[in-house]
Amino acid sequence: MHGAVLYAPYDIRDVERPDPTIIEPTDAIIRLSATCICGSDLWPYRGIDPISEPTPMGHEYVGIVEEAGSAVTTIKPGQFVVGSFFASDNTCPICQAGYQSRCVHAEPIGAIGTQAEYARIPLADGTLVATPDIPSDDLIPSLLAASDVLGTGWFAAVAADVAPGRTVAVVGDGAVGVLAVLAAKQLGAERIIIMSRHEDRQKLAAEFGATDIVTERGDAGAAQVKELTDGLGAHSTIEAVGTQESMMQAIGSTRPGGAVGYVGVPHEVALPGEELFFAEVHLLGGPAPVRRFLPELINLICNRKINPGRVFDLELPLSEVAAGYRAMDDRRAIKVLLRP
């Protein structure tokens, strides 16, 4: 099969890779209908997260089950499935509490690499969720978004305690940020402020439910949010970047007693104790337990209640994966969909 492999910073190639096979009886093999490039893939692509050897890339995926291991009971060949970027058994106490990304048997799908034609998915019964029927082609981008960026944005909104009537601030205008806007709208937020300096992303965020745009960053951005909220700050703030500035901007944008849901993969983030102490806000975040939300998200998508697939503004064949990475690295694309 063909698949994307990163050899060095800015050197990603579509190459021949071995076909995946069943290794454990709990595995399934899927033929990917679509995959994509994630903002977090840009960290190793840019060399910020170093790699020591050629590395398969990708952790977002939807497709048709080709083969299921002998211990797989709920997922069957021929089904169209959506999965999370962490494999989980969905039965351990941590999974049952709703944190499948921290399952005691969790396996990162990124180590397998789903920017490919086929993928082996561990713990298939606990990881994969089948759609009611084979979806029409126009639904595939939205179902693919559910595999990570929609599920991550949804978790961020839940972690930030978004609820009807509340004001939400979103730090970050990448795919997760704009889909966090969609999630906040679905969860009943009355006012949604997104921090963005890019017109195309502002427009998409507005389509998803954003009511206000703040172009300032850092302390100035937080001050602007407070100015928009009678000096109080947002009830709920979503941090979807992962830098020191974005985290402090999120905390500074939140009113005392409010909540910050942080899902940006952190890079050199250190929280100053005294500032955090006097902010008096709730903090909850981490790698999103996407599996918790998949049944609800699939239902909303298949019933055409939401259209998160709008976040994909560039579609390419897998053979042009290098061009997709360049487009996202240059911020010429919000998110790139790849067709194997």
C-alpha atoms as a PDB file:
ATOM      1  CA  MET A   1       0.000   0.000   0.000  1.00  0.00           C
ATOM      2  CA  HIS A   2       0.959   3.664  -0.203  1.00  0.00           C
ATOM      3  CA  GLY A   3       1.351   5.839   2.891  1.00  0.00           C
ATOM      4  CA  ALA A   4       2.913   9.097   4.082  1.00  0.00           C
ATOM      5  CA  VAL A   5       6.275   8.866   5.839  1.00  0.00           C
ATOM      6  CA  LEU A   6       8.230  11.766   7.384  1.00  0.00           C
ATOM      7  CA  TYR A   7      11.974  11.378   6.828  1.00  0.00           C
ATOM      8  CA  ALA A   8      13.219  14.712   8.180  1.00  0.00           C
ATOM      9  CA  PRO A   9      11.864  18.213   8.779  1.00  0.00           C
ATOM     10  CA  TYR A  10       9.888  19.311   5.694  1.00  0.00           C
ATOM     11  CA  ASP A  11      10.613  15.982   3.978  1.00  0.00           C
ATOM     12  CA  ILE A  12       7.402  13.986   3.797  1.00  0.00           C
ATOM     13  CA  ARG A  13       6.837  11.437   1.053  1.00  0.00           C
ATOM     14  CA  ASP A  14       4.150   9.138  -0.266  1.00  0.00           C
ATOM     15  CA  VAL A  15       5.936   5.789  -0.335  1.00  0.00           C
ATOM     16  CA  GLU A  16       5.233   2.093  -0.561  1.00  0.00           C
ATOM     17  CA  ARG A  17       4.577   0.645   2.911  1.00  0.00           C
ATOM     18  CA  PRO A  18       3.813  -2.940   3.985  1.00  0.00           C
ATOM     19  CA  ASP A  19       0.145  -3.850   4.009  1.00  0.00           C
ATOM     20  CA  PRO A  20      -1.150  -4.035   7.594  1.00  0.00           C
ATOM     21  CA  THR A  21      -2.108  -7.415   9.024  1.00  0.00           C
ATOM     22  CA  ILE A  22      -3.961  -8.629  12.096  1.00  0.00           C
ATOM     23  CA  ILE A  23      -1.458  -8.852  14.955  1.00  0.00           C
ATOM     24  CA  GLU A  24      -3.741  -9.185  17.978  1.00  0.00           C
ATOM     25  CA  PRO A  25      -7.159 -10.877  17.899  1.00  0.00           C
ATOM     26  CA  THR A  26      -8.687  -7.550  18.969  1.00  0.00           C
ATOM     27  CA  ASP A  27      -7.403  -5.766  15.809  1.00  0.00           C
ATOM     28  CA  ALA A  28      -9.303  -4.725  12.711  1.00  0.00           C
ATOM     29  CA  ILE A  29      -7.999  -3.722   9.288  1.00  0.00           C
ATOM     30  CA  ILE A  30      -9.773  -0.840   7.577  1.00  0.00           C
ATOM     31  CA  ARG A  31      -9.563   0.463   4.033  1.00  0.00           C
ATOM     32  CA  LEU A  32      -9.464   4.208   4.428  1.00  0.00           C
ATOM     33  CA  SER A  33     -12.070   6.252   2.587  1.00  0.00           C
ATOM     34  CA  ALA A  34     -10.439   9.494   3.698  1.00  0.00           C
ATOM     35  CA  THR A  35      -7.723  10.732   6.002  1.00  0.00           C
ATOM     36  CA  CYS A  36      -6.233  14.161   6.646  1.00  0.00           C
ATOM     37  CA  ILE A  37      -3.421  16.324   7.981  1.00  0.00           C
ATOM     38  CA  CYS A  38      -3.686  17.595  11.555  1.00  0.00           C
ATOM     39  CA  GLY A  39      -2.249  20.786  12.956  1.00  0.00           C
ATOM     40  CA  SER A  40      -0.349  18.641  15.452  1.00  0.00           C
ATOM     41  CA  ASP A  41       1.350  16.881  12.514  1.00  0.00           C
ATOM     42  CA  LEU A  42       3.098  20.171  11.804  1.00  0.00           C
ATOM     43  CA  TRP A  43       5.158  19.959  15.024  1.00  0.00           C
ATOM     44  CA  PRO A  44       7.297  17.036  13.759  1.00  0.00           C
ATOM     45  CA  TYR A  45       7.049  18.295  10.166  1.00  0.00           C
ATOM     46  CA  ARG A  46       8.700  21.555  11.247  1.00  0.00           C
ATOM     47  CA  GLY A  47      11.270  19.710  13.360  1.00  0.00           C
ATOM     48  CA  ILE A  48       9.954  21.076  16.658  1.00  0.00           C
ATOM     49  CA  ASP A  49       9.128  17.510  17.721  1.00  0.00           C
ATOM     50  CA  PRO A  50      12.247  15.671  16.488  1.00  0.00           C
ATOM     51  CA  ILE A  51      12.117  12.216  14.926  1.00  0.00           C
ATOM     52  CA  SER A  52      14.975   9.710  14.919  1.00  0.00           C
ATOM     53  CA  GLU A  53      13.870   7.537  11.997  1.00  0.00           C
ATOM     54  CA  PRO A  54      11.411   7.553   9.088  1.00  0.00           C
ATOM     55  CA  THR A  55       7.999   7.895  10.709  1.00  0.00           C
ATOM     56  CA  PRO A  56       4.529   7.007   9.337  1.00  0.00           C
ATOM     57  CA  MET A  57       2.168   9.945   9.739  1.00  0.00           C
ATOM     58  CA  GLY A  58      -1.511  10.460  10.453  1.00  0.00           C
ATOM     59  CA  HIS A  59      -4.017   9.636  13.179  1.00  0.00           C
ATOM     60  CA  GLU A  60      -7.416  10.644  11.733  1.00  0.00           C
ATOM     61  CA  TYR A  61      -9.395   8.144   9.681  1.00  0.00           C
ATOM     62  CA  VAL A  62     -12.687   6.780   8.426  1.00  0.00           C
ATOM     63  CA  GLY A  63     -13.235   3.782   6.223  1.00  0.00           C
ATOM     64  CA  ILE A  64     -14.588   0.321   5.557  1.00  0.00           C
ATOM     65  CA  VAL A  65     -13.687  -2.662   7.745  1.00  0.00           C
ATOM     66  CA  GLU A  66     -11.836  -5.196   5.614  1.00  0.00           C
ATOM     67  CA  GLU A  67     -10.979  -7.780   8.265  1.00  0.00           C
ATOM     68  CA  ALA A  68     -11.637  -8.246  11.976  1.00  0.00           C
ATOM     69  CA  GLY A  69      -9.643 -10.293  14.470  1.00  0.00           C
ATOM     70  CA  SER A  70     -11.083 -13.404  16.063  1.00  0.00           C
ATOM     71  CA  ALA A  71     -11.868 -11.594  19.348  1.00  0.00           C
ATOM     72  CA  VAL A  72     -13.697  -8.670  17.701  1.00  0.00           C
ATOM     73  CA  THR A  73     -17.436  -8.992  18.311  1.00  0.00           C
ATOM     74  CA  THR A  74     -19.145  -5.657  17.562  1.00  0.00           C
ATOM     75  CA  ILE A  75     -17.312  -4.479  14.434  1.00  0.00           C
ATOM     76  CA  LYS A  76     -17.835  -6.457  11.227  1.00  0.00           C
ATOM     77  CA  PRO A  77     -16.289  -6.446   7.750  1.00  0.00           C
ATOM     78  CA  GLY A  78     -18.206  -4.193   5.382  1.00  0.00           C
ATOM     79  CA  GLN A  79     -19.151  -1.601   8.012  1.00  0.00           C
ATOM     80  CA  PHE A  80     -18.174   2.036   7.638  1.00  0.00           C
ATOM     81  CA  VAL A  81     -16.426   3.128  10.837  1.00  0.00           C
ATOM     82  CA  VAL A  82     -15.055   6.204  12.565  1.00  0.00           C
ATOM     83  CA  GLY A  83     -12.361   5.931  15.210  1.00  0.00           C
ATOM     84  CA  SER A  84     -10.429   8.051  17.664  1.00  0.00           C
ATOM     85  CA  PHE A  85      -6.726   8.933  17.546  1.00  0.00           C
ATOM     86  CA  PHE A  86      -6.235   6.759  20.656  1.00  0.00           C
ATOM     87  CA  ALA A  87      -7.226   3.111  20.650  1.00  0.00           C
ATOM     88  CA  SER A  88      -9.069   2.181  23.837  1.00  0.00           C
ATOM     89  CA  ASP A  89     -10.819  -0.872  25.211  1.00  0.00           C
ATOM     90  CA  ASN A  90     -13.775   1.317  26.352  1.00  0.00           C
ATOM     91  CA  THR A  91     -14.302  -1.006  29.313  1.00  0.00           C
ATOM     92  CA  CYS A  92     -11.619  -0.101  31.883  1.00  0.00           C
ATOM     93  CA  PRO A  93     -12.545   2.196  34.803  1.00  0.00           C
ATOM     94  CA  ILE A  94     -10.905   5.196  33.120  1.00  0.00           C
ATOM     95  CA  CYS A  95     -12.847   4.611  29.908  1.00  0.00           C
ATOM     96  CA  GLN A  96     -16.056   4.150  31.825  1.00  0.00           C
ATOM     97  CA  ALA A  97     -15.442   7.536  33.453  1.00  0.00           C
ATOM     98  CA  GLY A  98     -15.301   9.049  29.965  1.00  0.00           C
ATOM     99  CA  TYR A  99     -11.543   9.453  29.477  1.00  0.00           C
ATOM    100  CA  GLN A 100     -10.854   6.862  26.787  1.00  0.00           C
ATOM    101  CA  SER A 101      -7.726   8.684  25.649  1.00  0.00           C
ATOM    102  CA  ARG A 102      -6.180   7.661  28.990  1.00  0.00           C
ATOM    103  CA  CYS A 103      -7.419   4.053  28.837  1.00  0.00           C
ATOM    104  CA  VAL A 104      -5.188   1.682  30.793  1.00  0.00           C
ATOM    105  CA  HIS A 105      -4.577  -0.114  27.484  1.00  0.00           C
ATOM    106  CA  ALA A 106      -4.451   3.011  25.278  1.00  0.00           C
ATOM    107  CA  GLU A 107      -2.431   2.873  22.067  1.00  0.00           C
ATOM    108  CA  PRO A 108      -1.714   5.997  19.978  1.00  0.00           C
ATOM    109  CA  ILE A 109      -2.966   5.606  16.434  1.00  0.00           C
ATOM    110  CA  GLY A 110      -0.286   8.068  15.335  1.00  0.00           C
ATOM    111  CA  ALA A 111       2.291   5.341  15.917  1.00  0.00           C
ATOM    112  CA  ILE A 112       0.539   3.331  13.190  1.00  0.00           C
ATOM    113  CA  GLY A 113       0.068   6.155  10.685  1.00  0.00           C
ATOM    114  CA  THR A 114      -3.296   6.570   8.970  1.00  0.00           C
ATOM    115  CA  GLN A 115      -2.249   8.818   6.092  1.00  0.00           C
ATOM    116  CA  ALA A 116      -2.342   5.644   4.049  1.00  0.00           C
ATOM    117  CA  GLU A 117      -4.579   3.339   2.048  1.00  0.00           C
ATOM    118  CA  TYR A 118      -5.110   0.834   4.877  1.00  0.00           C
ATOM    119  CA  ALA A 119      -4.630   0.834   8.644  1.00  0.00           C
ATOM    120  CA  ARG A 120      -4.574  -1.653  11.485  1.00  0.00           C
ATOM    121  CA  ILE A 121      -6.743  -0.410  14.355  1.00  0.00           C
ATOM    122  CA  PRO A 122      -6.056  -2.006  17.760  1.00  0.00           C
ATOM    123  CA  LEU A 123      -8.835  -2.670  20.273  1.00  0.00           C
ATOM    124  CA  ALA A 124     -11.371  -2.395  17.475  1.00  0.00           C
ATOM    125  CA  ASP A 125     -14.459  -3.059  19.596  1.00  0.00           C
ATOM    126  CA  GLY A 126     -13.640  -0.209  21.942  1.00  0.00           C
ATOM    127  CA  THR A 127     -12.163   2.206  19.407  1.00  0.00           C
ATOM    128  CA  LEU A 128     -14.346   2.071  16.304  1.00  0.00           C
ATOM    129  CA  VAL A 129     -17.953   3.221  15.972  1.00  0.00           C
ATOM    130  CA  ALA A 130     -19.950   2.095  12.952  1.00  0.00           C
ATOM    131  CA  THR A 131     -22.305   4.429  11.121  1.00  0.00           C
ATOM    132  CA  PRO A 132     -25.917   3.262  10.716  1.00  0.00           C
ATOM    133  CA  ASP A 133     -25.381   2.744   6.966  1.00  0.00           C
ATOM    134  CA  ILE A 134     -22.656   3.333   4.401  1.00  0.00           C
ATOM    135  CA  PRO A 135     -22.681   7.145   4.255  1.00  0.00           C
ATOM    136  CA  SER A 136     -23.013   9.165   1.091  1.00  0.00           C
ATOM    137  CA  ASP A 137     -19.767  10.671  -0.140  1.00  0.00           C
ATOM    138  CA  ASP A 138     -20.715  14.199   0.920  1.00  0.00           C
ATOM    139  CA  LEU A 139     -20.877  13.100   4.576  1.00  0.00           C
ATOM    140  CA  ILE A 140     -17.384  11.593   4.639  1.00  0.00           C
ATOM    141  CA  PRO A 141     -15.533  14.880   5.357  1.00  0.00           C
ATOM    142  CA  SER A 142     -17.768  15.558   8.364  1.00  0.00           C
ATOM    143  CA  LEU A 143     -17.367  12.023   9.693  1.00  0.00           C
ATOM    144  CA  LEU A 144     -13.605  12.355   9.253  1.00  0.00           C
ATOM    145  CA  ALA A 145     -13.679  15.596  11.266  1.00  0.00           C
ATOM    146  CA  ALA A 146     -15.370  13.668  14.086  1.00  0.00           C
ATOM    147  CA  SER A 147     -12.301  11.403  14.315  1.00  0.00           C
ATOM    148  CA  ASP A 148     -10.254  14.203  15.887  1.00  0.00           C
ATOM    149  CA  VAL A 149     -10.798  17.922  15.371  1.00  0.00           C
ATOM    150  CA  LEU A 150     -14.557  17.951  15.962  1.00  0.00           C
ATOM    151  CA  GLY A 151     -14.263  15.516  18.876  1.00  0.00           C
ATOM    152  CA  THR A 152     -11.394  17.559  20.293  1.00  0.00           C
ATOM    153  CA  GLY A 153     -13.265  20.841  19.919  1.00  0.00           C
ATOM    154  CA  TRP A 154     -16.317  19.238  21.526  1.00  0.00           C
ATOM    155  CA  PHE A 155     -14.281  17.981  24.473  1.00  0.00           C
ATOM    156  CA  ALA A 156     -12.735  21.439  24.873  1.00  0.00           C
ATOM    157  CA  ALA A 157     -16.200  22.968  25.069  1.00  0.00           C
ATOM    158  CA  VAL A 158     -17.386  20.366  27.589  1.00  0.00           C
ATOM    159  CA  ALA A 159     -14.197  20.801  29.655  1.00  0.00           C
ATOM    160  CA  ALA A 160     -14.777  24.564  29.639  1.00  0.00           C
ATOM    161  CA  ASP A 161     -18.275  23.966  31.017  1.00  0.00           C
ATOM    162  CA  VAL A 162     -20.052  25.565  28.071  1.00  0.00           C
ATOM    163  CA  ALA A 163     -23.772  25.796  28.757  1.00  0.00           C
ATOM    164  CA  PRO A 164     -26.839  27.692  27.542  1.00  0.00           C
ATOM    165  CA  GLY A 165     -26.655  31.435  28.063  1.00  0.00           C
ATOM    166  CA  ARG A 166     -22.905  31.570  28.653  1.00  0.00           C
ATOM    167  CA  THR A 167     -20.186  33.569  26.930  1.00  0.00           C
ATOM    168  CA  VAL A 168     -17.373  31.528  25.397  1.00  0.00           C
ATOM    169  CA  ALA A 169     -13.949  32.692  24.225  1.00  0.00           C
ATOM    170  CA  VAL A 170     -11.908  30.558  21.816  1.00  0.00           C
ATOM    171  CA  VAL A 171      -8.134  31.012  21.612  1.00  0.00           C
ATOM    172  CA  GLY A 172      -6.929  29.553  18.315  1.00  0.00           C
ATOM    173  CA  ASP A 173      -8.476  29.653  14.840  1.00  0.00           C
ATOM    174  CA  GLY A 174      -7.212  26.363  13.459  1.00  0.00           C
ATOM    175  CA  ALA A 175      -9.510  23.452  12.730  1.00  0.00           C
ATOM    176  CA  VAL A 176      -9.988  22.626  16.420  1.00  0.00           C
ATOM    177  CA  GLY A 177     -10.693  26.240  17.307  1.00  0.00           C
ATOM    178  CA  VAL A 178     -13.332  26.820  14.650  1.00  0.00           C
ATOM    179  CA  LEU A 179     -14.978  23.473  15.435  1.00  0.00           C
ATOM    180  CA  ALA A 180     -14.950  24.373  19.123  1.00  0.00           C
ATOM    181  CA  VAL A 181     -17.102  27.308  18.019  1.00  0.00           C
ATOM    182  CA  LEU A 182     -19.509  24.833  16.400  1.00  0.00           C
ATOM    183  CA  ALA A 183     -19.526  22.732  19.574  1.00  0.00           C
ATOM    184  CA  ALA A 184     -20.144  25.756  21.801  1.00  0.00           C
ATOM    185  CA  LYS A 185     -23.062  26.775  19.592  1.00  0.00           C
ATOM    186  CA  GLN A 186     -24.558  23.279  19.771  1.00  0.00           C
ATOM    187  CA  LEU A 187     -24.161  23.293  23.561  1.00  0.00           C
ATOM    188  CA  GLY A 188     -26.186  26.498  23.779  1.00  0.00           C
ATOM    189  CA  ALA A 189     -23.633  29.290  24.229  1.00  0.00           C
ATOM    190  CA  GLU A 190     -25.207  32.702  23.861  1.00  0.00           C
ATOM    191  CA  ARG A 191     -22.070  34.562  22.812  1.00  0.00           C
ATOM    192  CA  ILE A 192     -18.937  33.114  21.207  1.00  0.00           C
ATOM    193  CA  ILE A 193     -15.777  35.198  20.836  1.00  0.00           C
ATOM    194  CA  ILE A 194     -13.013  33.797  18.626  1.00  0.00           C
ATOM    195  CA  MET A 195      -9.450  35.096  18.587  1.00  0.00           C
ATOM    196  CA  SER A 196      -8.420  35.237  14.925  1.00  0.00           C
ATOM    197  CA  ARG A 197      -6.400  37.346  12.514  1.00  0.00           C
ATOM    198  CA  HIS A 198      -7.287  35.425   9.373  1.00  0.00           C
ATOM    199  CA  GLU A 199     -10.306  36.468   7.321  1.00  0.00           C
ATOM    200  CA  ASP A 200     -11.090  33.016   5.924  1.00  0.00           C
ATOM    201  CA  ARG A 201     -11.073  31.483   9.396  1.00  0.00           C
ATOM    202  CA  GLN A 202     -13.127  34.329  10.817  1.00  0.00           C
ATOM    203  CA  LYS A 203     -15.736  33.750   8.118  1.00  0.00           C
ATOM    204  CA  LEU A 204     -15.936  30.010   8.808  1.00  0.00           C
ATOM    205  CA  ALA A 205     -16.125  30.612  12.567  1.00  0.00           C
ATOM    206  CA  ALA A 206     -19.013  33.013  11.977  1.00  0.00           C
ATOM    207  CA  GLU A 207     -20.805  30.340   9.935  1.00  0.00           C
ATOM    208  CA  PHE A 208     -20.379  27.958  12.867  1.00  0.00           C
ATOM    209  CA  GLY A 209     -21.760  30.463  15.391  1.00  0.00           C
ATOM    210  CA  ALA A 210     -19.096  32.983  16.410  1.00  0.00           C
ATOM    211  CA  THR A 211     -20.617  36.331  17.349  1.00  0.00           C
ATOM    212  CA  ASP A 212     -17.447  38.378  17.959  1.00  0.00           C
ATOM    213  CA  ILE A 213     -13.915  38.492  16.542  1.00  0.00           C
ATOM    214  CA  VAL A 214     -10.863  39.581  18.553  1.00  0.00           C
ATOM    215  CA  THR A 215      -7.676  40.110  16.541  1.00  0.00           C
ATOM    216  CA  GLU A 216      -5.384  41.009  19.448  1.00  0.00           C
ATOM    217  CA  ARG A 217      -3.220  38.362  21.093  1.00  0.00           C
ATOM    218  CA  GLY A 218      -1.696  37.828  24.523  1.00  0.00           C
ATOM    219  CA  ASP A 219      -2.580  40.276  27.267  1.00  0.00           C
ATOM    220  CA  ALA A 220      -4.148  42.638  24.724  1.00  0.00           C
ATOM    221  CA  GLY A 221      -6.443  39.854  23.507  1.00  0.00           C
ATOM    222  CA  ALA A 222      -7.492  38.963  27.047  1.00  0.00           C
ATOM    223  CA  ALA A 223      -8.153  42.635  27.774  1.00  0.00           C
ATOM    224  CA  GLN A 224     -10.360  42.869  24.689  1.00  0.00           C
ATOM    225  CA  VAL A 225     -12.414  39.868  25.846  1.00  0.00           C
ATOM    226  CA  LYS A 226     -12.908  41.520  29.225  1.00  0.00           C
ATOM    227  CA  GLU A 227     -13.938  44.753  27.539  1.00  0.00           C
ATOM    228  CA  LEU A 228     -16.581  42.816  25.604  1.00  0.00           C
ATOM    229  CA  THR A 229     -17.873  41.204  28.816  1.00  0.00           C
ATOM    230  CA  ASP A 230     -18.306  44.202  31.124  1.00  0.00           C
ATOM    231  CA  GLY A 231     -14.823  43.724  32.552  1.00  0.00           C
ATOM    232  CA  LEU A 232     -15.562  40.204  33.811  1.00  0.00           C
ATOM    233  CA  GLY A 233     -14.210  37.816  31.180  1.00  0.00           C
ATOM    234  CA  ALA A 234     -15.786  34.791  29.528  1.00  0.00           C
ATOM    235  CA  HIS A 235     -17.613  32.125  31.500  1.00  0.00           C
ATOM    236  CA  SER A 236     -15.848  29.473  29.401  1.00  0.00           C
ATOM    237  CA  THR A 237     -12.603  29.669  27.449  1.00  0.00           C
ATOM    238  CA  ILE A 238     -11.190  27.146  24.997  1.00  0.00           C
ATOM    239  CA  GLU A 239      -7.424  26.980  24.431  1.00  0.00           C
ATOM    240  CA  ALA A 240      -6.639  25.299  21.106  1.00  0.00           C
ATOM    241  CA  VAL A 241      -3.031  26.247  20.335  1.00  0.00           C
ATOM    242  CA  GLY A 242      -0.612  24.874  22.945  1.00  0.00           C
ATOM    243  CA  THR A 243       1.849  27.746  23.498  1.00  0.00           C
ATOM    244  CA  GLN A 244       2.709  29.704  26.620  1.00  0.00           C
ATOM    245  CA  GLU A 245       1.087  32.832  25.194  1.00  0.00           C
ATOM    246  CA  SER A 246      -2.124  31.059  24.199  1.00  0.00           C
ATOM    247  CA  MET A 247      -2.524  29.378  27.584  1.00  0.00           C
ATOM    248  CA  MET A 248      -2.008  32.605  29.513  1.00  0.00           C
ATOM    249  CA  GLN A 249      -4.295  34.412  27.085  1.00  0.00           C
ATOM    250  CA  ALA A 250      -6.986  31.810  27.785  1.00  0.00           C
ATOM    251  CA  ILE A 251      -6.619  32.076  31.551  1.00  0.00           C
ATOM    252  CA  GLY A 252      -6.574  35.867  31.345  1.00  0.00           C
ATOM    253  CA  SER A 253      -9.755  35.875  29.248  1.00  0.00           C
ATOM    254  CA  THR A 254     -11.728  33.896  31.843  1.00  0.00           C
ATOM    255  CA  ARG A 255     -13.707  35.380  34.705  1.00  0.00           C
ATOM    256  CA  PRO A 256     -13.120  34.192  38.286  1.00  0.00           C
ATOM    257  CA  GLY A 257     -15.076  31.001  38.761  1.00  0.00           C
ATOM    258  CA  GLY A 258     -15.027  30.317  35.035  1.00  0.00           C
ATOM    259  CA  ALA A 259     -13.450  27.367  33.262  1.00  0.00           C
ATOM    260  CA  VAL A 260     -10.704  26.799  30.704  1.00  0.00           C
ATOM    261  CA  GLY A 261     -10.773  23.725  28.467  1.00  0.00           C
ATOM    262  CA  TYR A 262      -7.310  23.269  26.960  1.00  0.00           C
ATOM    263  CA  VAL A 263      -6.633  20.904  24.090  1.00  0.00           C
ATOM    264  CA  GLY A 264      -3.710  22.495  22.259  1.00  0.00           C
ATOM    265  CA  VAL A 265      -0.762  20.094  22.430  1.00  0.00           C
ATOM    266  CA  PRO A 266       1.538  21.973  24.869  1.00  0.00           C
ATOM    267  CA  HIS A 267       5.014  23.068  23.880  1.00  0.00           C
ATOM    268  CA  GLU A 268       7.074  24.654  26.664  1.00  0.00           C
ATOM    269  CA  VAL A 269       4.002  25.735  28.611  1.00  0.00           C
ATOM    270  CA  ALA A 270       4.670  26.584  32.270  1.00  0.00           C
ATOM    271  CA  LEU A 271       1.941  27.998  34.484  1.00  0.00           C
ATOM    272  CA  PRO A 272       3.077  30.709  36.930  1.00  0.00           C
ATOM    273  CA  GLY A 273       1.750  29.650  40.317  1.00  0.00           C
ATOM    274  CA  GLU A 274       0.801  33.042  41.719  1.00  0.00           C
ATOM    275  CA  GLU A 275      -0.982  34.196  38.592  1.00  0.00           C
ATOM    276  CA  LEU A 276      -2.876  30.923  38.383  1.00  0.00           C
ATOM    277  CA  PHE A 277      -3.718  31.085  42.085  1.00  0.00           C
ATOM    278  CA  PHE A 278      -5.333  34.512  41.833  1.00  0.00           C
ATOM    279  CA  ALA A 279      -7.053  33.813  38.524  1.00  0.00           C
ATOM    280  CA  GLU A 280      -9.327  31.386  40.402  1.00  0.00           C
ATOM    281  CA  VAL A 281     -10.445  29.463  37.318  1.00  0.00           C
ATOM    282  CA  HIS A 282     -11.112  25.798  36.649  1.00  0.00           C
ATOM    283  CA  LEU A 283      -8.667  24.028  34.314  1.00  0.00           C
ATOM    284  CA  LEU A 284      -9.405  20.772  32.492  1.00  0.00           C
ATOM    285  CA  GLY A 285      -7.828  19.470  29.328  1.00  0.00           C
ATOM    286  CA  GLY A 286      -5.513  17.045  27.655  1.00  0.00           C
ATOM    287  CA  PRO A 287      -5.794  14.628  24.729  1.00  0.00           C
ATOM    288  CA  ALA A 288      -9.486  14.560  23.926  1.00  0.00           C
ATOM    289  CA  PRO A 289     -11.427  11.379  24.731  1.00  0.00           C
ATOM    290  CA  VAL A 290     -12.996  11.488  21.279  1.00  0.00           C
ATOM    291  CA  ARG A 291     -14.510   8.007  21.679  1.00  0.00           C
ATOM    292  CA  ARG A 292     -16.826   9.381  24.397  1.00  0.00           C
ATOM    293  CA  PHE A 293     -18.494  11.719  21.905  1.00  0.00           C
ATOM    294  CA  LEU A 294     -18.445   9.671  18.689  1.00  0.00           C
ATOM    295  CA  PRO A 295     -21.965   8.170  18.927  1.00  0.00           C
ATOM    296  CA  GLU A 296     -23.523  11.610  19.469  1.00  0.00           C
ATOM    297  CA  LEU A 297     -21.409  13.291  16.797  1.00  0.00           C
ATOM    298  CA  ILE A 298     -22.069  10.569  14.222  1.00  0.00           C
ATOM    299  CA  ASN A 299     -25.801  10.896  14.888  1.00  0.00           C
ATOM    300  CA  LEU A 300     -25.706  14.685  14.415  1.00  0.00           C
ATOM    301  CA  ILE A 301     -23.713  14.355  11.199  1.00  0.00           C
ATOM    302  CA  CYS A 302     -25.738  11.535   9.664  1.00  0.00           C
ATOM    303  CA  ASN A 303     -28.949  13.432  10.418  1.00  0.00           C
ATOM    304  CA  ARG A 304     -27.360  16.539   8.855  1.00  0.00           C
ATOM    305  CA  LYS A 305     -27.729  18.636  11.977  1.00  0.00           C
ATOM    306  CA  ILE A 306     -24.097  19.822  11.727  1.00  0.00           C
ATOM    307  CA  ASN A 307     -21.606  20.089   8.875  1.00  0.00           C
ATOM    308  CA  PRO A 308     -18.108  20.097  10.396  1.00  0.00           C
ATOM    309  CA  GLY A 309     -16.641  18.917   7.084  1.00  0.00           C
ATOM    310  CA  ARG A 310     -16.668  22.584   6.055  1.00  0.00           C
ATOM    311  CA  VAL A 311     -13.356  22.850   7.922  1.00  0.00           C
ATOM    312  CA  PHE A 312     -11.610  21.050   5.044  1.00  0.00           C
ATOM    313  CA  ASP A 313     -10.724  23.769   2.556  1.00  0.00           C
ATOM    314  CA  LEU A 314      -8.297  21.738   0.448  1.00  0.00           C
ATOM    315  CA  GLU A 315      -8.678  18.174  -0.843  1.00  0.00           C
ATOM    316  CA  LEU A 316      -5.800  16.273  -2.438  1.00  0.00           C
ATOM    317  CA  PRO A 317      -4.974  12.700  -3.410  1.00  0.00           C
ATOM    318  CA  LEU A 318      -2.689  10.928  -0.956  1.00  0.00           C
ATOM    319  CA  SER A 319       0.034  10.996  -3.606  1.00  0.00           C
ATOM    320  CA  GLU A 320       0.188  14.800  -3.154  1.00  0.00           C
ATOM    321  CA  VAL A 321       0.526  14.676   0.637  1.00  0.00           C
ATOM    322  CA  ALA A 322       3.689  16.827   0.545  1.00  0.00           C
ATOM    323  CA  ALA A 323       1.737  19.649  -1.101  1.00  0.00           C
ATOM    324  CA  GLY A 324      -0.895  19.332   1.620  1.00  0.00           C
ATOM    325  CA  TYR A 325       1.679  19.732   4.376  1.00  0.00           C
ATOM    326  CA  ARG A 326       3.147  22.781   2.636  1.00  0.00           C
ATOM    327  CA  ALA A 327      -0.300  24.361   2.334  1.00  0.00           C
ATOM    328  CA  MET A 328      -1.004  23.946   6.039  1.00  0.00           C
ATOM    329  CA  ASP A 329       2.488  25.006   7.059  1.00  0.00           C
ATOM    330  CA  ASP A 330       2.059  28.204   5.014  1.00  0.00           C
ATOM    331  CA  ARG A 331      -1.458  28.727   6.449  1.00  0.00           C
ATOM    332  CA  ARG A 332      -2.905  28.557   2.945  1.00  0.00           C
ATOM    333  CA  ALA A 333      -5.266  25.841   4.184  1.00  0.00           C
ATOM    334  CA  ILE A 334      -7.097  25.357   7.464  1.00  0.00           C
ATOM    335  CA  LYS A 335      -7.178  21.587   7.068  1.00  0.00           C
ATOM    336  CA  VAL A 336      -6.299  19.245   4.214  1.00  0.00           C
ATOM    337  CA  LEU A 337      -8.353  16.157   3.380  1.00  0.00           C
ATOM    338  CA  LEU A 338      -6.506  13.300   1.663  1.00  0.00           C
ATOM    339  CA  ARG A 339      -8.185  10.681  -0.514  1.00  0.00           C
ATOM    340  CA  PRO A 340      -6.183   7.422  -0.644  1.00  0.00           C
END
